[in-house]
Amino acid sequence: MTRFEFYKDTSGSWRWRVKSLANGRILGDSSEGYANYSDCVNGARLVKSAILEV
């Protein structure tokens, strides 16, 4: 099981990361910062949908 987390980085941009619920390790993260929270969530949704297609 995993969960997506959304947070602001040190420059004030929004980022996402995927963490394992079993051990707390980060499995993936955004390679860019987003100015808007909604854009960050949309980016995470795109990644999630791509993973589920595999």
PDB file of N, CA and C in Angstrom:
ATOM      1  N   MET A   1       0.844  -1.176   0.000  1.00  0.00           N
ATOM      2  CA  MET A   1       0.000   0.000   0.000  1.00  0.00           C
ATOM      3  C   MET A   1       0.894   1.247   0.000  1.00  0.00           C
ATOM      4  N   THR A   2       0.405   2.274  -0.649  1.00  0.00           N
ATOM      5  CA  THR A   2       1.136   3.534  -0.737  1.00  0.00           C
ATOM      6  C   THR A   2       0.190   4.699  -0.485  1.00  0.00           C
ATOM      7  N   ARG A   3       0.784   5.883  -0.315  1.00  0.00           N
ATOM      8  CA  ARG A   3      -0.028   7.087  -0.218  1.00  0.00           C
ATOM      9  C   ARG A   3       0.741   8.246  -0.842  1.00  0.00           C
ATOM     10  N   PHE A   4       0.006   9.159  -1.419  1.00  0.00           N
ATOM     11  CA  PHE A   4       0.593  10.375  -1.956  1.00  0.00           C
ATOM     12  C   PHE A   4       0.575  11.442  -0.876  1.00  0.00           C
ATOM     13  N   GLU A   5       1.664  12.184  -0.782  1.00  0.00           N
ATOM     14  CA  GLU A   5       1.750  13.318   0.145  1.00  0.00           C
ATOM     15  C   GLU A   5       2.038  14.564  -0.677  1.00  0.00           C
ATOM     16  N   PHE A   6       1.468  15.681  -0.273  1.00  0.00           N
ATOM     17  CA  PHE A   6       1.684  16.961  -0.936  1.00  0.00           C
ATOM     18  C   PHE A   6       2.267  17.928   0.080  1.00  0.00           C
ATOM     19  N   TYR A   7       3.294  18.668  -0.357  1.00  0.00           N
ATOM     20  CA  TYR A   7       3.975  19.568   0.581  1.00  0.00           C
ATOM     21  C   TYR A   7       4.613  20.716  -0.183  1.00  0.00           C
ATOM     22  N   LYS A   8       4.943  21.779   0.530  1.00  0.00           N
ATOM     23  CA  LYS A   8       5.660  22.904  -0.048  1.00  0.00           C
ATOM     24  C   LYS A   8       7.147  22.736   0.221  1.00  0.00           C
ATOM     25  N   ASP A   9       7.962  22.947  -0.815  1.00  0.00           N
ATOM     26  CA  ASP A   9       9.411  22.850  -0.640  1.00  0.00           C
ATOM     27  C   ASP A   9       9.957  24.170  -0.099  1.00  0.00           C
ATOM     28  N   THR A  10      11.271  24.250   0.037  1.00  0.00           N
ATOM     29  CA  THR A  10      11.887  25.433   0.648  1.00  0.00           C
ATOM     30  C   THR A  10      11.724  26.699  -0.188  1.00  0.00           C
ATOM     31  N   SER A  11      11.469  26.556  -1.488  1.00  0.00           N
ATOM     32  CA  SER A  11      11.261  27.731  -2.335  1.00  0.00           C
ATOM     33  C   SER A  11       9.789  28.122  -2.433  1.00  0.00           C
ATOM     34  N   GLY A  12       8.913  27.364  -1.755  1.00  0.00           N
ATOM     35  CA  GLY A  12       7.487  27.683  -1.744  1.00  0.00           C
ATOM     36  C   GLY A  12       6.683  27.017  -2.847  1.00  0.00           C
ATOM     37  N   SER A  13       7.309  26.117  -3.608  1.00  0.00           N
ATOM     38  CA  SER A  13       6.599  25.391  -4.660  1.00  0.00           C
ATOM     39  C   SER A  13       5.963  24.131  -4.082  1.00  0.00           C
ATOM     40  N   TRP A  14       4.856  23.717  -4.701  1.00  0.00           N
ATOM     41  CA  TRP A  14       4.180  22.487  -4.283  1.00  0.00           C
ATOM     42  C   TRP A  14       4.847  21.285  -4.923  1.00  0.00           C
ATOM     43  N   ARG A  15       4.988  20.214  -4.173  1.00  0.00           N
ATOM     44  CA  ARG A  15       5.548  18.959  -4.656  1.00  0.00           C
ATOM     45  C   ARG A  15       4.734  17.793  -4.100  1.00  0.00           C
ATOM     46  N   TRP A  16       4.854  16.639  -4.755  1.00  0.00           N
ATOM     47  CA  TRP A  16       4.222  15.419  -4.265  1.00  0.00           C
ATOM     48  C   TRP A  16       5.281  14.333  -4.121  1.00  0.00           C
ATOM     49  N   ARG A  17       4.954  13.351  -3.298  1.00  0.00           N
ATOM     50  CA  ARG A  17       5.790  12.156  -3.175  1.00  0.00           C
ATOM     51  C   ARG A  17       4.884  10.982  -2.831  1.00  0.00           C
ATOM     52  N   VAL A  18       5.342   9.795  -3.194  1.00  0.00           N
ATOM     53  CA  VAL A  18       4.626   8.549  -2.898  1.00  0.00           C
ATOM     54  C   VAL A  18       5.429   7.817  -1.843  1.00  0.00           C
ATOM     55  N   LYS A  19       4.781   7.464  -0.748  1.00  0.00           N
ATOM     56  CA  LYS A  19       5.453   6.759   0.343  1.00  0.00           C
ATOM     57  C   LYS A  19       4.809   5.397   0.558  1.00  0.00           C
ATOM     58  N   SER A  20       5.649   4.448   0.933  1.00  0.00           N
ATOM     59  CA  SER A  20       5.182   3.121   1.307  1.00  0.00           C
ATOM     60  C   SER A  20       4.574   3.204   2.708  1.00  0.00           C
ATOM     61  N   LEU A  21       3.408   2.623   2.879  1.00  0.00           N
ATOM     62  CA  LEU A  21       2.802   2.581   4.210  1.00  0.00           C
ATOM     63  C   LEU A  21       3.459   1.513   5.078  1.00  0.00           C
ATOM     64  N   ALA A  22       4.078   0.537   4.445  1.00  0.00           N
ATOM     65  CA  ALA A  22       4.699  -0.556   5.198  1.00  0.00           C
ATOM     66  C   ALA A  22       5.963  -0.110   5.934  1.00  0.00           C
ATOM     67  N   ASN A  23       6.806   0.689   5.246  1.00  0.00           N
ATOM     68  CA  ASN A  23       8.083   1.048   5.861  1.00  0.00           C
ATOM     69  C   ASN A  23       8.389   2.549   5.836  1.00  0.00           C
ATOM     70  N   GLY A  24       7.507   3.347   5.256  1.00  0.00           N
ATOM     71  CA  GLY A  24       7.687   4.798   5.246  1.00  0.00           C
ATOM     72  C   GLY A  24       8.671   5.320   4.220  1.00  0.00           C
ATOM     73  N   ARG A  25       9.218   4.455   3.387  1.00  0.00           N
ATOM     74  CA  ARG A  25      10.186   4.882   2.385  1.00  0.00           C
ATOM     75  C   ARG A  25       9.505   5.629   1.245  1.00  0.00           C
ATOM     76  N   ILE A  26      10.218   6.595   0.700  1.00  0.00           N
ATOM     77  CA  ILE A  26       9.729   7.338  -0.452  1.00  0.00           C
ATOM     78  C   ILE A  26       9.998   6.507  -1.700  1.00  0.00           C
ATOM     79  N   LEU A  27       8.934   6.236  -2.454  1.00  0.00           N
ATOM     80  CA  LEU A  27       9.033   5.409  -3.655  1.00  0.00           C
ATOM     81  C   LEU A  27       9.167   6.254  -4.917  1.00  0.00           C
ATOM     82  N   GLY A  28       8.718   7.484  -4.866  1.00  0.00           N
ATOM     83  CA  GLY A  28       8.796   8.383  -6.014  1.00  0.00           C
ATOM     84  C   GLY A  28       8.422   9.787  -5.589  1.00  0.00           C
ATOM     85  N   ASP A  29       8.847  10.761  -6.399  1.00  0.00           N
ATOM     86  CA  ASP A  29       8.497  12.143  -6.095  1.00  0.00           C
ATOM     87  C   ASP A  29       8.439  12.966  -7.368  1.00  0.00           C
ATOM     88  N   SER A  30       7.897  14.173  -7.246  1.00  0.00           N
ATOM     89  CA  SER A  30       7.802  15.053  -8.404  1.00  0.00           C
ATOM     90  C   SER A  30       9.187  15.566  -8.755  1.00  0.00           C
ATOM     91  N   SER A  31       9.451  15.659 -10.038  1.00  0.00           N
ATOM     92  CA  SER A  31      10.750  16.153 -10.489  1.00  0.00           C
ATOM     93  C   SER A  31      10.742  17.666 -10.665  1.00  0.00           C
ATOM     94  N   GLU A  32       9.582  18.259 -10.459  1.00  0.00           N
ATOM     95  CA  GLU A  32       9.453  19.703 -10.576  1.00  0.00           C
ATOM     96  C   GLU A  32       8.537  20.228  -9.482  1.00  0.00           C
ATOM     97  N   GLY A  33       8.686  21.492  -9.179  1.00  0.00           N
ATOM     98  CA  GLY A  33       7.786  22.147  -8.246  1.00  0.00           C
ATOM     99  C   GLY A  33       6.636  22.782  -9.012  1.00  0.00           C
ATOM    100  N   TYR A  34       5.498  22.876  -8.387  1.00  0.00           N
ATOM    101  CA  TYR A  34       4.304  23.458  -9.005  1.00  0.00           C
ATOM    102  C   TYR A  34       3.921  24.729  -8.262  1.00  0.00           C
ATOM    103  N   ALA A  35       3.529  25.752  -9.012  1.00  0.00           N
ATOM    104  CA  ALA A  35       3.120  27.016  -8.403  1.00  0.00           C
ATOM    105  C   ALA A  35       1.779  26.882  -7.692  1.00  0.00           C
ATOM    106  N   ASN A  36       0.888  26.041  -8.233  1.00  0.00           N
ATOM    107  CA  ASN A  36      -0.457  25.871  -7.677  1.00  0.00           C
ATOM    108  C   ASN A  36      -0.637  24.471  -7.117  1.00  0.00           C
ATOM    109  N   TYR A  37      -1.317  24.399  -5.994  1.00  0.00           N
ATOM    110  CA  TYR A  37      -1.614  23.107  -5.363  1.00  0.00           C
ATOM    111  C   TYR A  37      -2.392  22.210  -6.324  1.00  0.00           C
ATOM    112  N   SER A  38      -3.381  22.773  -7.021  1.00  0.00           N
ATOM    113  CA  SER A  38      -4.219  21.971  -7.920  1.00  0.00           C
ATOM    114  C   SER A  38      -3.396  21.376  -9.064  1.00  0.00           C
ATOM    115  N   ASP A  39      -2.399  22.090  -9.557  1.00  0.00           N
ATOM    116  CA  ASP A  39      -1.527  21.550 -10.600  1.00  0.00           C
ATOM    117  C   ASP A  39      -0.695  20.394 -10.056  1.00  0.00           C
ATOM    118  N   CYS A  40      -0.262  20.504  -8.826  1.00  0.00           N
ATOM    119  CA  CYS A  40       0.506  19.439  -8.180  1.00  0.00           C
ATOM    120  C   CYS A  40      -0.340  18.174  -8.036  1.00  0.00           C
ATOM    121  N   VAL A  41      -1.567  18.331  -7.588  1.00  0.00           N
ATOM    122  CA  VAL A  41      -2.472  17.190  -7.436  1.00  0.00           C
ATOM    123  C   VAL A  41      -2.741  16.550  -8.795  1.00  0.00           C
ATOM    124  N   ASN A  42      -2.931  17.375  -9.819  1.00  0.00           N
ATOM    125  CA  ASN A  42      -3.170  16.847 -11.161  1.00  0.00           C
ATOM    126  C   ASN A  42      -1.954  16.071 -11.666  1.00  0.00           C
ATOM    127  N   GLY A  43      -0.760  16.570 -11.418  1.00  0.00           N
ATOM    128  CA  GLY A  43       0.451  15.859 -11.807  1.00  0.00           C
ATOM    129  C   GLY A  43       0.546  14.501 -11.127  1.00  0.00           C
ATOM    130  N   ALA A  44       0.210  14.450  -9.861  1.00  0.00           N
ATOM    131  CA  ALA A  44       0.217  13.185  -9.125  1.00  0.00           C
ATOM    132  C   ALA A  44      -0.835  12.226  -9.672  1.00  0.00           C
ATOM    133  N   ARG A  45      -1.993  12.747 -10.043  1.00  0.00           N
ATOM    134  CA  ARG A  45      -3.043  11.896 -10.623  1.00  0.00           C
ATOM    135  C   ARG A  45      -2.589  11.291 -11.945  1.00  0.00           C
ATOM    136  N   LEU A  46      -1.885  12.081 -12.759  1.00  0.00           N
ATOM    137  CA  LEU A  46      -1.381  11.557 -14.031  1.00  0.00           C
ATOM    138  C   LEU A  46      -0.402  10.407 -13.811  1.00  0.00           C
ATOM    139  N   VAL A  47       0.478  10.566 -12.841  1.00  0.00           N
ATOM    140  CA  VAL A  47       1.435   9.513 -12.532  1.00  0.00           C
ATOM    141  C   VAL A  47       0.706   8.278 -12.001  1.00  0.00           C
ATOM    142  N   LYS A  48      -0.241   8.483 -11.113  1.00  0.00           N
ATOM    143  CA  LYS A  48      -0.994   7.356 -10.553  1.00  0.00           C
ATOM    144  C   LYS A  48      -1.727   6.595 -11.641  1.00  0.00           C
ATOM    145  N   SER A  49      -2.361   7.303 -12.577  1.00  0.00           N
ATOM    146  CA  SER A  49      -3.095   6.625 -13.642  1.00  0.00           C
ATOM    147  C   SER A  49      -2.144   5.876 -14.582  1.00  0.00           C
ATOM    148  N   ALA A  50      -0.959   6.433 -14.817  1.00  0.00           N
ATOM    149  CA  ALA A  50       0.030   5.748 -15.665  1.00  0.00           C
ATOM    150  C   ALA A  50       0.526   4.469 -14.990  1.00  0.00           C
ATOM    151  N   ILE A  51       0.708   4.504 -13.695  1.00  0.00           N
ATOM    152  CA  ILE A  51       1.168   3.311 -12.958  1.00  0.00           C
ATOM    153  C   ILE A  51       0.100   2.226 -13.008  1.00  0.00           C
ATOM    154  N   LEU A  52      -1.153   2.605 -12.863  1.00  0.00           N
ATOM    155  CA  LEU A  52      -2.229   1.617 -12.847  1.00  0.00           C
ATOM    156  C   LEU A  52      -2.453   0.972 -14.213  1.00  0.00           C
ATOM    157  N   GLU A  53      -2.007   1.635 -15.291  1.00  0.00           N
ATOM    158  CA  GLU A  53      -2.154   1.084 -16.634  1.00  0.00           C
ATOM    159  C   GLU A  53      -1.136  -0.003 -16.929  1.00  0.00           C
ATOM    160  N   VAL A  54      -0.044  -0.023 -16.182  1.00  0.00           N
ATOM    161  CA  VAL A  54       1.032  -0.989 -16.440  1.00  0.00           C
ATOM    162  C   VAL A  54       0.637  -2.362 -15.975  1.00  0.00           C
TER     163      VAL A  54
END
